[in-house]
Amino acid sequence: MKKSGSKKSKDPNHFVSYVLFAAAMAAMVLIVFALDFLPRASFLQDGVFLIGDIILLIVAIENKQKNLIAIQTVILIGIVLSLFSNGIFMTTTVILSAIILLIGYLYSVHYYSKEPIGFIGSAGFVLLAIGYALNTGNTQILNSLAFGIGAILVAIYSLLSLLLYKVRVQIVWIILNVVFAIGPLAYLASL
């Protein structure tokens, strides 16, 4: 008879979860670095945002987190629009369409009935997607508003998830989103 838990460290799924967590952390650090230290609205900044989001999307897919897959896809669309934008009208139309599809999808899988605080997280992620899409030199105030408020909403969602559901990994997301919000909010405060 096997003792339960005696071979926990040799479980390959346990190792994979640590690797995925490390990849997600690295992606968030890249994104925060790009926001705070790279030239705003530059191809380099958008490229780092793109790499970070693709990593987060892969982690969400590997963890089978449908809500995060949908949300990261919308954020990815925002980043791609920022890289290859043909103007604010086209960008706004595409990102709003993606957001409508996201919300429709989350309703269709009953995400909000299973996760009542999910509205807060979704609103935060939607604002982050808008911030990425508006990452152009002409829209820095709107971009900073979307990034700052979006990151704070995601941090609030993470805090509630930690307190209500005891999801300890949310501590990391609280810290990273608060750090992410500092640059855009500091810019707005300086105006």
N, C-alpha and C. Protein backbone atom coordinates (compact mmCIF):
# COMPACT_ATOMS: atom_id res chain seq x y z
N MET A 1 0.84 -1.18 0.00
CA MET A 1 0.00 0.00 0.00
C MET A 1 0.88 1.24 0.00
N LYS A 2 0.63 2.17 -0.93
CA LYS A 2 1.41 3.39 -1.03
C LYS A 2 0.94 4.40 0.00
N LYS A 3 1.90 5.13 0.52
CA LYS A 3 1.55 6.23 1.41
C LYS A 3 1.24 7.44 0.55
N SER A 4 0.14 8.12 0.86
CA SER A 4 -0.20 9.30 0.06
C SER A 4 0.72 10.45 0.42
N GLY A 5 1.13 11.16 -0.58
CA GLY A 5 1.95 12.34 -0.39
C GLY A 5 3.43 12.07 -0.23
N SER A 6 3.85 10.82 -0.18
CA SER A 6 5.26 10.54 0.06
C SER A 6 6.13 10.86 -1.16
N LYS A 7 5.56 10.87 -2.34
CA LYS A 7 6.34 11.13 -3.56
C LYS A 7 5.91 12.44 -4.21
N LYS A 8 5.51 13.39 -3.41
CA LYS A 8 5.03 14.66 -3.93
C LYS A 8 6.07 15.37 -4.80
N SER A 9 7.31 15.36 -4.40
CA SER A 9 8.34 16.08 -5.15
C SER A 9 8.66 15.43 -6.49
N LYS A 10 8.32 14.15 -6.68
CA LYS A 10 8.60 13.47 -7.93
C LYS A 10 7.42 13.52 -8.90
N ASP A 11 6.34 14.14 -8.51
CA ASP A 11 5.17 14.25 -9.36
C ASP A 11 5.46 15.22 -10.50
N PRO A 12 5.42 14.76 -11.77
CA PRO A 12 5.75 15.65 -12.88
C PRO A 12 4.78 16.82 -13.00
N ASN A 13 3.52 16.64 -12.62
CA ASN A 13 2.55 17.74 -12.69
C ASN A 13 2.91 18.84 -11.70
N HIS A 14 3.48 18.46 -10.58
CA HIS A 14 3.90 19.43 -9.57
C HIS A 14 5.02 20.29 -10.15
N PHE A 15 5.96 19.67 -10.84
CA PHE A 15 7.06 20.39 -11.47
C PHE A 15 6.55 21.32 -12.57
N VAL A 16 5.64 20.82 -13.39
CA VAL A 16 5.08 21.62 -14.49
C VAL A 16 4.36 22.85 -13.93
N SER A 17 3.64 22.69 -12.83
CA SER A 17 2.94 23.85 -12.27
C SER A 17 3.93 24.91 -11.80
N TYR A 18 5.07 24.50 -11.25
CA TYR A 18 6.10 25.47 -10.87
C TYR A 18 6.71 26.16 -12.09
N VAL A 19 6.93 25.41 -13.16
CA VAL A 19 7.48 26.00 -14.38
C VAL A 19 6.50 27.00 -14.97
N LEU A 20 5.22 26.64 -15.00
CA LEU A 20 4.21 27.56 -15.53
C LEU A 20 4.11 28.82 -14.67
N PHE A 21 4.17 28.65 -13.37
CA PHE A 21 4.13 29.79 -12.47
C PHE A 21 5.33 30.70 -12.72
N ALA A 22 6.50 30.10 -12.86
CA ALA A 22 7.72 30.88 -13.12
C ALA A 22 7.62 31.61 -14.46
N ALA A 23 7.06 30.95 -15.47
CA ALA A 23 6.89 31.58 -16.78
C ALA A 23 5.93 32.76 -16.68
N ALA A 24 4.83 32.59 -15.95
CA ALA A 24 3.87 33.69 -15.78
C ALA A 24 4.51 34.85 -15.04
N MET A 25 5.31 34.55 -14.03
CA MET A 25 6.00 35.60 -13.27
C MET A 25 6.98 36.35 -14.18
N ALA A 26 7.73 35.61 -14.97
CA ALA A 26 8.69 36.23 -15.87
C ALA A 26 7.97 37.12 -16.88
N ALA A 27 6.83 36.66 -17.38
CA ALA A 27 6.05 37.46 -18.33
C ALA A 27 5.56 38.75 -17.69
N MET A 28 5.07 38.67 -16.47
CA MET A 28 4.60 39.87 -15.79
C MET A 28 5.74 40.85 -15.53
N VAL A 29 6.89 40.33 -15.14
CA VAL A 29 8.05 41.19 -14.90
C VAL A 29 8.45 41.89 -16.21
N LEU A 30 8.44 41.15 -17.32
CA LEU A 30 8.73 41.74 -18.64
C LEU A 30 7.76 42.87 -18.96
N ILE A 31 6.48 42.62 -18.72
CA ILE A 31 5.45 43.61 -19.02
C ILE A 31 5.62 44.86 -18.17
N VAL A 32 5.86 44.68 -16.87
CA VAL A 32 6.07 45.82 -15.98
C VAL A 32 7.33 46.58 -16.40
N PHE A 33 8.40 45.86 -16.73
CA PHE A 33 9.63 46.49 -17.19
C PHE A 33 9.37 47.33 -18.44
N ALA A 34 8.63 46.75 -19.39
CA ALA A 34 8.34 47.46 -20.64
C ALA A 34 7.54 48.72 -20.38
N LEU A 35 6.59 48.64 -19.47
CA LEU A 35 5.75 49.80 -19.18
C LEU A 35 6.54 50.91 -18.51
N ASP A 36 7.38 50.54 -17.58
CA ASP A 36 8.06 51.55 -16.76
C ASP A 36 9.41 52.02 -17.31
N PHE A 37 10.09 51.22 -18.14
CA PHE A 37 11.46 51.56 -18.52
C PHE A 37 11.72 51.69 -20.03
N LEU A 38 10.82 51.24 -20.86
CA LEU A 38 11.02 51.36 -22.30
C LEU A 38 10.27 52.58 -22.83
N PRO A 39 10.73 53.14 -23.93
CA PRO A 39 10.04 54.32 -24.49
C PRO A 39 8.57 54.01 -24.78
N ARG A 40 7.69 54.90 -24.31
CA ARG A 40 6.24 54.70 -24.49
C ARG A 40 5.88 54.67 -25.96
N ALA A 41 4.94 53.79 -26.27
CA ALA A 41 4.38 53.67 -27.61
C ALA A 41 5.44 53.34 -28.66
N SER A 42 6.53 52.72 -28.23
CA SER A 42 7.58 52.33 -29.18
C SER A 42 7.35 50.90 -29.66
N PHE A 43 7.94 50.59 -30.79
CA PHE A 43 7.85 49.23 -31.31
C PHE A 43 8.47 48.25 -30.32
N LEU A 44 9.56 48.64 -29.67
CA LEU A 44 10.22 47.78 -28.68
C LEU A 44 9.28 47.50 -27.50
N GLN A 45 8.62 48.54 -26.98
CA GLN A 45 7.71 48.34 -25.86
C GLN A 45 6.56 47.41 -26.27
N ASP A 46 5.96 47.66 -27.42
CA ASP A 46 4.87 46.80 -27.88
C ASP A 46 5.35 45.37 -28.11
N GLY A 47 6.58 45.21 -28.62
CA GLY A 47 7.13 43.87 -28.83
C GLY A 47 7.30 43.11 -27.52
N VAL A 48 7.77 43.79 -26.48
CA VAL A 48 7.92 43.14 -25.17
C VAL A 48 6.54 42.82 -24.59
N PHE A 49 5.58 43.75 -24.75
CA PHE A 49 4.21 43.46 -24.32
C PHE A 49 3.68 42.21 -25.03
N LEU A 50 3.95 42.10 -26.32
CA LEU A 50 3.49 40.96 -27.11
C LEU A 50 4.09 39.66 -26.60
N ILE A 51 5.38 39.64 -26.36
CA ILE A 51 6.04 38.44 -25.84
C ILE A 51 5.47 38.05 -24.48
N GLY A 52 5.32 39.03 -23.59
CA GLY A 52 4.77 38.76 -22.26
C GLY A 52 3.37 38.20 -22.33
N ASP A 53 2.52 38.79 -23.18
CA ASP A 53 1.14 38.31 -23.28
C ASP A 53 1.06 36.92 -23.89
N ILE A 54 1.90 36.64 -24.87
CA ILE A 54 1.89 35.29 -25.47
C ILE A 54 2.26 34.26 -24.41
N ILE A 55 3.23 34.58 -23.56
CA ILE A 55 3.60 33.65 -22.48
C ILE A 55 2.41 33.45 -21.54
N LEU A 56 1.74 34.54 -21.16
CA LEU A 56 0.58 34.43 -20.26
C LEU A 56 -0.55 33.64 -20.92
N LEU A 57 -0.73 33.82 -22.23
CA LEU A 57 -1.75 33.06 -22.95
C LEU A 57 -1.42 31.57 -22.96
N ILE A 58 -0.17 31.23 -23.19
CA ILE A 58 0.25 29.83 -23.18
C ILE A 58 0.03 29.21 -21.80
N VAL A 59 0.36 29.95 -20.75
CA VAL A 59 0.15 29.46 -19.38
C VAL A 59 -1.34 29.24 -19.12
N ALA A 60 -2.18 30.18 -19.57
CA ALA A 60 -3.63 30.03 -19.39
C ALA A 60 -4.16 28.81 -20.15
N ILE A 61 -3.66 28.60 -21.36
CA ILE A 61 -4.08 27.43 -22.15
C ILE A 61 -3.63 26.15 -21.46
N GLU A 62 -2.40 26.12 -20.99
CA GLU A 62 -1.87 24.92 -20.32
C GLU A 62 -2.65 24.62 -19.04
N ASN A 63 -3.09 25.66 -18.34
CA ASN A 63 -3.86 25.47 -17.10
C ASN A 63 -5.36 25.31 -17.36
N LYS A 64 -5.76 25.36 -18.63
CA LYS A 64 -7.16 25.20 -19.04
C LYS A 64 -8.06 26.23 -18.35
N GLN A 65 -7.60 27.46 -18.26
CA GLN A 65 -8.36 28.54 -17.64
C GLN A 65 -9.07 29.32 -18.75
N LYS A 66 -10.30 28.90 -19.04
CA LYS A 66 -11.05 29.47 -20.17
C LYS A 66 -11.20 30.98 -20.05
N ASN A 67 -11.48 31.46 -18.85
CA ASN A 67 -11.67 32.90 -18.69
C ASN A 67 -10.38 33.66 -19.00
N LEU A 68 -9.24 33.16 -18.53
CA LEU A 68 -7.97 33.84 -18.81
C LEU A 68 -7.55 33.70 -20.27
N ILE A 69 -7.90 32.57 -20.89
CA ILE A 69 -7.62 32.41 -22.31
C ILE A 69 -8.37 33.49 -23.10
N ALA A 70 -9.64 33.66 -22.79
CA ALA A 70 -10.45 34.67 -23.48
C ALA A 70 -9.91 36.07 -23.23
N ILE A 71 -9.59 36.36 -21.98
CA ILE A 71 -9.11 37.69 -21.62
C ILE A 71 -7.75 37.97 -22.25
N GLN A 72 -6.83 37.01 -22.18
CA GLN A 72 -5.50 37.22 -22.76
C GLN A 72 -5.59 37.36 -24.28
N THR A 73 -6.57 36.70 -24.89
CA THR A 73 -6.76 36.85 -26.33
C THR A 73 -7.16 38.27 -26.68
N VAL A 74 -8.07 38.85 -25.88
CA VAL A 74 -8.48 40.23 -26.12
C VAL A 74 -7.29 41.17 -25.91
N ILE A 75 -6.51 40.93 -24.87
CA ILE A 75 -5.32 41.75 -24.64
C ILE A 75 -4.34 41.61 -25.80
N LEU A 76 -4.17 40.39 -26.30
CA LEU A 76 -3.29 40.15 -27.45
C LEU A 76 -3.77 40.94 -28.67
N ILE A 77 -5.07 40.96 -28.88
CA ILE A 77 -5.63 41.75 -29.99
C ILE A 77 -5.28 43.22 -29.81
N GLY A 78 -5.41 43.71 -28.56
CA GLY A 78 -5.06 45.10 -28.28
C GLY A 78 -3.61 45.41 -28.60
N ILE A 79 -2.72 44.50 -28.24
CA ILE A 79 -1.29 44.71 -28.50
C ILE A 79 -1.01 44.70 -30.00
N VAL A 80 -1.58 43.74 -30.70
CA VAL A 80 -1.37 43.65 -32.15
C VAL A 80 -1.92 44.90 -32.84
N LEU A 81 -3.07 45.38 -32.37
CA LEU A 81 -3.62 46.62 -32.94
C LEU A 81 -2.68 47.79 -32.73
N SER A 82 -2.06 47.83 -31.57
CA SER A 82 -1.11 48.91 -31.29
C SER A 82 0.10 48.82 -32.22
N LEU A 83 0.54 47.61 -32.49
CA LEU A 83 1.70 47.43 -33.38
C LEU A 83 1.38 47.79 -34.83
N PHE A 84 0.18 47.42 -35.29
CA PHE A 84 -0.14 47.55 -36.71
C PHE A 84 -1.37 48.42 -36.95
N SER A 85 -1.60 49.39 -36.10
CA SER A 85 -2.81 50.20 -36.16
C SER A 85 -2.87 51.07 -37.40
N ASN A 86 -4.07 51.16 -37.95
CA ASN A 86 -4.33 52.05 -39.08
C ASN A 86 -5.10 53.29 -38.65
N GLY A 87 -5.21 53.50 -37.37
CA GLY A 87 -5.93 54.68 -36.89
C GLY A 87 -6.80 54.33 -35.70
N ILE A 88 -7.21 55.37 -34.99
CA ILE A 88 -7.96 55.20 -33.76
C ILE A 88 -9.34 54.60 -34.01
N PHE A 89 -9.99 54.94 -35.14
CA PHE A 89 -11.32 54.40 -35.41
C PHE A 89 -11.27 52.88 -35.58
N MET A 90 -10.35 52.42 -36.40
CA MET A 90 -10.21 50.97 -36.63
C MET A 90 -9.84 50.26 -35.34
N THR A 91 -8.89 50.81 -34.61
CA THR A 91 -8.46 50.21 -33.35
C THR A 91 -9.63 50.11 -32.38
N THR A 92 -10.37 51.19 -32.23
CA THR A 92 -11.51 51.21 -31.31
C THR A 92 -12.57 50.21 -31.74
N THR A 93 -12.87 50.15 -33.01
CA THR A 93 -13.88 49.22 -33.51
C THR A 93 -13.49 47.78 -33.24
N VAL A 94 -12.27 47.43 -33.55
CA VAL A 94 -11.82 46.04 -33.36
C VAL A 94 -11.78 45.68 -31.88
N ILE A 95 -11.23 46.56 -31.04
CA ILE A 95 -11.10 46.22 -29.62
C ILE A 95 -12.47 46.14 -28.95
N LEU A 96 -13.39 47.03 -29.31
CA LEU A 96 -14.74 46.96 -28.74
C LEU A 96 -15.46 45.69 -29.19
N SER A 97 -15.27 45.30 -30.43
CA SER A 97 -15.86 44.03 -30.92
C SER A 97 -15.30 42.85 -30.14
N ALA A 98 -14.00 42.85 -29.92
CA ALA A 98 -13.37 41.76 -29.16
C ALA A 98 -13.88 41.73 -27.72
N ILE A 99 -14.07 42.90 -27.13
CA ILE A 99 -14.57 42.97 -25.75
C ILE A 99 -16.00 42.43 -25.68
N ILE A 100 -16.83 42.80 -26.64
CA ILE A 100 -18.21 42.29 -26.67
C ILE A 100 -18.21 40.77 -26.79
N LEU A 101 -17.36 40.24 -27.67
CA LEU A 101 -17.25 38.78 -27.81
C LEU A 101 -16.75 38.14 -26.52
N LEU A 102 -15.80 38.77 -25.84
CA LEU A 102 -15.28 38.26 -24.58
C LEU A 102 -16.39 38.16 -23.53
N ILE A 103 -17.12 39.25 -23.35
CA ILE A 103 -18.18 39.26 -22.35
C ILE A 103 -19.27 38.24 -22.70
N GLY A 104 -19.62 38.17 -23.98
CA GLY A 104 -20.60 37.17 -24.41
C GLY A 104 -20.12 35.75 -24.13
N TYR A 105 -18.85 35.49 -24.40
CA TYR A 105 -18.29 34.16 -24.13
C TYR A 105 -18.33 33.85 -22.63
N LEU A 106 -17.90 34.79 -21.80
CA LEU A 106 -17.88 34.53 -20.36
C LEU A 106 -19.28 34.31 -19.81
N TYR A 107 -20.28 35.00 -20.36
CA TYR A 107 -21.67 34.74 -19.97
C TYR A 107 -22.11 33.36 -20.43
N SER A 108 -21.73 32.97 -21.65
CA SER A 108 -22.18 31.69 -22.19
C SER A 108 -21.62 30.50 -21.42
N VAL A 109 -20.45 30.64 -20.81
CA VAL A 109 -19.90 29.54 -20.02
C VAL A 109 -20.23 29.71 -18.53
N HIS A 110 -21.13 30.65 -18.24
CA HIS A 110 -21.61 30.91 -16.87
C HIS A 110 -20.48 31.27 -15.91
N TYR A 111 -19.48 31.94 -16.43
CA TYR A 111 -18.33 32.32 -15.60
C TYR A 111 -18.76 33.21 -14.43
N TYR A 112 -19.62 34.19 -14.71
CA TYR A 112 -19.97 35.14 -13.67
C TYR A 112 -20.87 34.53 -12.59
N SER A 113 -21.62 33.49 -12.91
CA SER A 113 -22.42 32.83 -11.87
C SER A 113 -21.52 31.95 -10.98
N LYS A 114 -20.43 31.44 -11.54
CA LYS A 114 -19.48 30.63 -10.77
C LYS A 114 -18.50 31.51 -10.01
N GLU A 115 -18.23 32.69 -10.53
CA GLU A 115 -17.22 33.59 -9.98
C GLU A 115 -17.83 34.99 -9.88
N PRO A 116 -18.62 35.26 -8.83
CA PRO A 116 -19.32 36.55 -8.73
C PRO A 116 -18.40 37.78 -8.76
N ILE A 117 -17.19 37.65 -8.25
CA ILE A 117 -16.26 38.79 -8.27
C ILE A 117 -15.56 38.91 -9.62
N GLY A 118 -15.87 38.01 -10.53
CA GLY A 118 -15.24 38.01 -11.85
C GLY A 118 -15.48 39.28 -12.64
N PHE A 119 -16.59 40.00 -12.35
CA PHE A 119 -16.84 41.26 -13.05
C PHE A 119 -15.72 42.26 -12.81
N ILE A 120 -15.20 42.27 -11.59
CA ILE A 120 -14.13 43.21 -11.25
C ILE A 120 -12.88 42.88 -12.06
N GLY A 121 -12.51 41.60 -12.08
CA GLY A 121 -11.34 41.17 -12.85
C GLY A 121 -11.53 41.40 -14.33
N SER A 122 -12.72 41.08 -14.84
CA SER A 122 -12.98 41.28 -16.27
C SER A 122 -12.89 42.75 -16.64
N ALA A 123 -13.47 43.62 -15.82
CA ALA A 123 -13.40 45.06 -16.10
C ALA A 123 -11.94 45.51 -16.12
N GLY A 124 -11.14 45.01 -15.18
CA GLY A 124 -9.72 45.36 -15.16
C GLY A 124 -8.99 44.89 -16.39
N PHE A 125 -9.23 43.64 -16.79
CA PHE A 125 -8.56 43.10 -17.97
C PHE A 125 -9.02 43.81 -19.25
N VAL A 126 -10.30 44.16 -19.31
CA VAL A 126 -10.80 44.90 -20.47
C VAL A 126 -10.10 46.26 -20.57
N LEU A 127 -9.96 46.93 -19.43
CA LEU A 127 -9.25 48.22 -19.45
C LEU A 127 -7.78 48.05 -19.83
N LEU A 128 -7.16 46.97 -19.38
CA LEU A 128 -5.77 46.72 -19.80
C LEU A 128 -5.70 46.50 -21.31
N ALA A 129 -6.66 45.77 -21.86
CA ALA A 129 -6.68 45.55 -23.32
C ALA A 129 -6.83 46.88 -24.05
N ILE A 130 -7.70 47.74 -23.54
CA ILE A 130 -7.88 49.06 -24.14
C ILE A 130 -6.58 49.86 -24.02
N GLY A 131 -5.91 49.76 -22.88
CA GLY A 131 -4.64 50.45 -22.69
C GLY A 131 -3.59 50.00 -23.70
N TYR A 132 -3.52 48.69 -23.92
CA TYR A 132 -2.56 48.19 -24.91
C TYR A 132 -2.93 48.70 -26.31
N ALA A 133 -4.22 48.65 -26.64
CA ALA A 133 -4.65 49.09 -27.97
C ALA A 133 -4.38 50.58 -28.18
N LEU A 134 -4.49 51.36 -27.12
CA LEU A 134 -4.28 52.81 -27.22
C LEU A 134 -2.84 53.22 -26.93
N ASN A 135 -1.92 52.29 -26.99
CA ASN A 135 -0.52 52.58 -26.69
C ASN A 135 0.14 53.28 -27.87
N THR A 136 -0.35 54.47 -28.13
CA THR A 136 0.22 55.30 -29.19
C THR A 136 0.59 56.65 -28.59
N GLY A 137 1.40 57.38 -29.26
CA GLY A 137 1.83 58.68 -28.75
C GLY A 137 0.69 59.67 -28.58
N ASN A 138 -0.37 59.54 -29.38
CA ASN A 138 -1.46 60.51 -29.37
C ASN A 138 -2.44 60.31 -28.23
N THR A 139 -2.45 59.16 -27.63
CA THR A 139 -3.48 58.83 -26.65
C THR A 139 -2.89 58.49 -25.28
N GLN A 140 -1.82 59.15 -24.91
CA GLN A 140 -1.11 58.79 -23.68
C GLN A 140 -1.98 58.95 -22.43
N ILE A 141 -2.84 59.96 -22.38
CA ILE A 141 -3.69 60.15 -21.21
C ILE A 141 -4.70 59.01 -21.10
N LEU A 142 -5.37 58.69 -22.22
CA LEU A 142 -6.33 57.58 -22.20
C LEU A 142 -5.64 56.25 -21.91
N ASN A 143 -4.48 56.07 -22.53
CA ASN A 143 -3.68 54.86 -22.30
C ASN A 143 -3.33 54.72 -20.83
N SER A 144 -2.87 55.79 -20.20
CA SER A 144 -2.48 55.74 -18.79
C SER A 144 -3.68 55.51 -17.89
N LEU A 145 -4.82 56.12 -18.22
CA LEU A 145 -6.05 55.87 -17.45
C LEU A 145 -6.44 54.39 -17.51
N ALA A 146 -6.44 53.85 -18.72
CA ALA A 146 -6.84 52.45 -18.90
C ALA A 146 -5.87 51.52 -18.18
N PHE A 147 -4.56 51.74 -18.35
CA PHE A 147 -3.57 50.90 -17.67
C PHE A 147 -3.68 51.02 -16.14
N GLY A 148 -3.74 52.25 -15.65
CA GLY A 148 -3.76 52.47 -14.20
C GLY A 148 -4.99 51.89 -13.54
N ILE A 149 -6.18 52.25 -14.05
CA ILE A 149 -7.42 51.76 -13.45
C ILE A 149 -7.56 50.25 -13.67
N GLY A 150 -7.20 49.78 -14.86
CA GLY A 150 -7.29 48.34 -15.14
C GLY A 150 -6.44 47.51 -14.20
N ALA A 151 -5.20 47.94 -13.98
CA ALA A 151 -4.30 47.20 -13.08
C ALA A 151 -4.82 47.24 -11.64
N ILE A 152 -5.36 48.37 -11.21
CA ILE A 152 -5.91 48.45 -9.85
C ILE A 152 -7.11 47.52 -9.70
N LEU A 153 -7.98 47.47 -10.72
CA LEU A 153 -9.13 46.55 -10.65
C LEU A 153 -8.68 45.09 -10.61
N VAL A 154 -7.67 44.74 -11.37
CA VAL A 154 -7.15 43.36 -11.33
C VAL A 154 -6.55 43.08 -9.95
N ALA A 155 -5.86 44.06 -9.38
CA ALA A 155 -5.30 43.89 -8.03
C ALA A 155 -6.42 43.70 -7.00
N ILE A 156 -7.51 44.45 -7.13
CA ILE A 156 -8.66 44.30 -6.22
C ILE A 156 -9.28 42.92 -6.39
N TYR A 157 -9.47 42.50 -7.64
CA TYR A 157 -9.99 41.15 -7.90
C TYR A 157 -9.09 40.09 -7.26
N SER A 158 -7.79 40.26 -7.41
CA SER A 158 -6.83 39.30 -6.85
C SER A 158 -6.91 39.29 -5.32
N LEU A 159 -7.04 40.47 -4.72
CA LEU A 159 -7.16 40.55 -3.27
C LEU A 159 -8.43 39.85 -2.79
N LEU A 160 -9.55 40.10 -3.46
CA LEU A 160 -10.80 39.43 -3.08
C LEU A 160 -10.70 37.92 -3.27
N SER A 161 -10.05 37.50 -4.34
CA SER A 161 -9.86 36.07 -4.59
C SER A 161 -9.01 35.44 -3.49
N LEU A 162 -8.00 36.17 -3.05
CA LEU A 162 -7.16 35.70 -1.95
C LEU A 162 -7.97 35.58 -0.67
N LEU A 163 -8.73 36.61 -0.34
CA LEU A 163 -9.48 36.63 0.91
C LEU A 163 -10.67 35.67 0.91
N LEU A 164 -11.40 35.60 -0.21
CA LEU A 164 -12.61 34.78 -0.26
C LEU A 164 -12.33 33.31 -0.55
N TYR A 165 -11.40 33.05 -1.45
CA TYR A 165 -11.17 31.68 -1.92
C TYR A 165 -9.83 31.10 -1.46
N LYS A 166 -9.05 31.91 -0.75
CA LYS A 166 -7.74 31.47 -0.23
C LYS A 166 -6.79 31.02 -1.33
N VAL A 167 -6.82 31.70 -2.48
CA VAL A 167 -5.92 31.40 -3.59
C VAL A 167 -4.63 32.19 -3.33
N ARG A 168 -3.64 31.53 -2.76
CA ARG A 168 -2.43 32.21 -2.31
C ARG A 168 -1.61 32.83 -3.43
N VAL A 169 -1.67 32.28 -4.62
CA VAL A 169 -0.89 32.83 -5.73
C VAL A 169 -1.34 34.25 -6.06
N GLN A 170 -2.52 34.62 -5.63
CA GLN A 170 -3.04 35.96 -5.91
C GLN A 170 -2.18 37.04 -5.26
N ILE A 171 -1.43 36.70 -4.23
CA ILE A 171 -0.52 37.68 -3.61
C ILE A 171 0.43 38.25 -4.66
N VAL A 172 0.94 37.37 -5.50
CA VAL A 172 1.86 37.78 -6.56
C VAL A 172 1.17 38.73 -7.53
N TRP A 173 -0.06 38.41 -7.93
CA TRP A 173 -0.78 39.23 -8.90
C TRP A 173 -1.17 40.57 -8.29
N ILE A 174 -1.44 40.59 -6.99
CA ILE A 174 -1.72 41.87 -6.31
C ILE A 174 -0.50 42.77 -6.43
N ILE A 175 0.65 42.24 -6.05
CA ILE A 175 1.88 43.03 -6.06
C ILE A 175 2.22 43.49 -7.48
N LEU A 176 2.20 42.57 -8.44
CA LEU A 176 2.57 42.92 -9.81
C LEU A 176 1.62 43.95 -10.42
N ASN A 177 0.33 43.84 -10.15
CA ASN A 177 -0.61 44.80 -10.74
C ASN A 177 -0.52 46.16 -10.06
N VAL A 178 -0.24 46.18 -8.76
CA VAL A 178 -0.03 47.47 -8.10
C VAL A 178 1.23 48.14 -8.68
N VAL A 179 2.30 47.37 -8.84
CA VAL A 179 3.53 47.91 -9.43
C VAL A 179 3.26 48.37 -10.86
N PHE A 180 2.49 47.60 -11.62
CA PHE A 180 2.15 47.94 -12.99
C PHE A 180 1.38 49.27 -13.04
N ALA A 181 0.52 49.51 -12.06
CA ALA A 181 -0.32 50.71 -12.05
C ALA A 181 0.46 51.97 -11.69
N ILE A 182 1.59 51.83 -11.01
CA ILE A 182 2.32 53.01 -10.50
C ILE A 182 2.75 53.95 -11.63
N GLY A 183 3.37 53.43 -12.67
CA GLY A 183 3.86 54.27 -13.76
C GLY A 183 2.75 55.10 -14.42
N PRO A 184 1.67 54.46 -14.90
CA PRO A 184 0.60 55.23 -15.53
C PRO A 184 -0.07 56.23 -14.58
N LEU A 185 -0.30 55.82 -13.33
CA LEU A 185 -0.95 56.73 -12.39
C LEU A 185 -0.03 57.89 -12.01
N ALA A 186 1.28 57.63 -11.92
CA ALA A 186 2.23 58.70 -11.64
C ALA A 186 2.25 59.69 -12.79
N TYR A 187 2.19 59.18 -14.02
CA TYR A 187 2.14 60.07 -15.20
C TYR A 187 0.89 60.97 -15.12
N LEU A 188 -0.26 60.38 -14.81
CA LEU A 188 -1.49 61.16 -14.72
C LEU A 188 -1.42 62.20 -13.59
N ALA A 189 -0.81 61.83 -12.48
CA ALA A 189 -0.68 62.76 -11.35
C ALA A 189 0.24 63.92 -11.70
N SER A 190 1.17 63.70 -12.61
CA SER A 190 2.12 64.76 -12.98
C SER A 190 1.55 65.79 -13.96
N LEU A 191 0.37 65.53 -14.48
CA LEU A 191 -0.23 66.46 -15.47
C LEU A 191 -0.75 67.71 -14.80
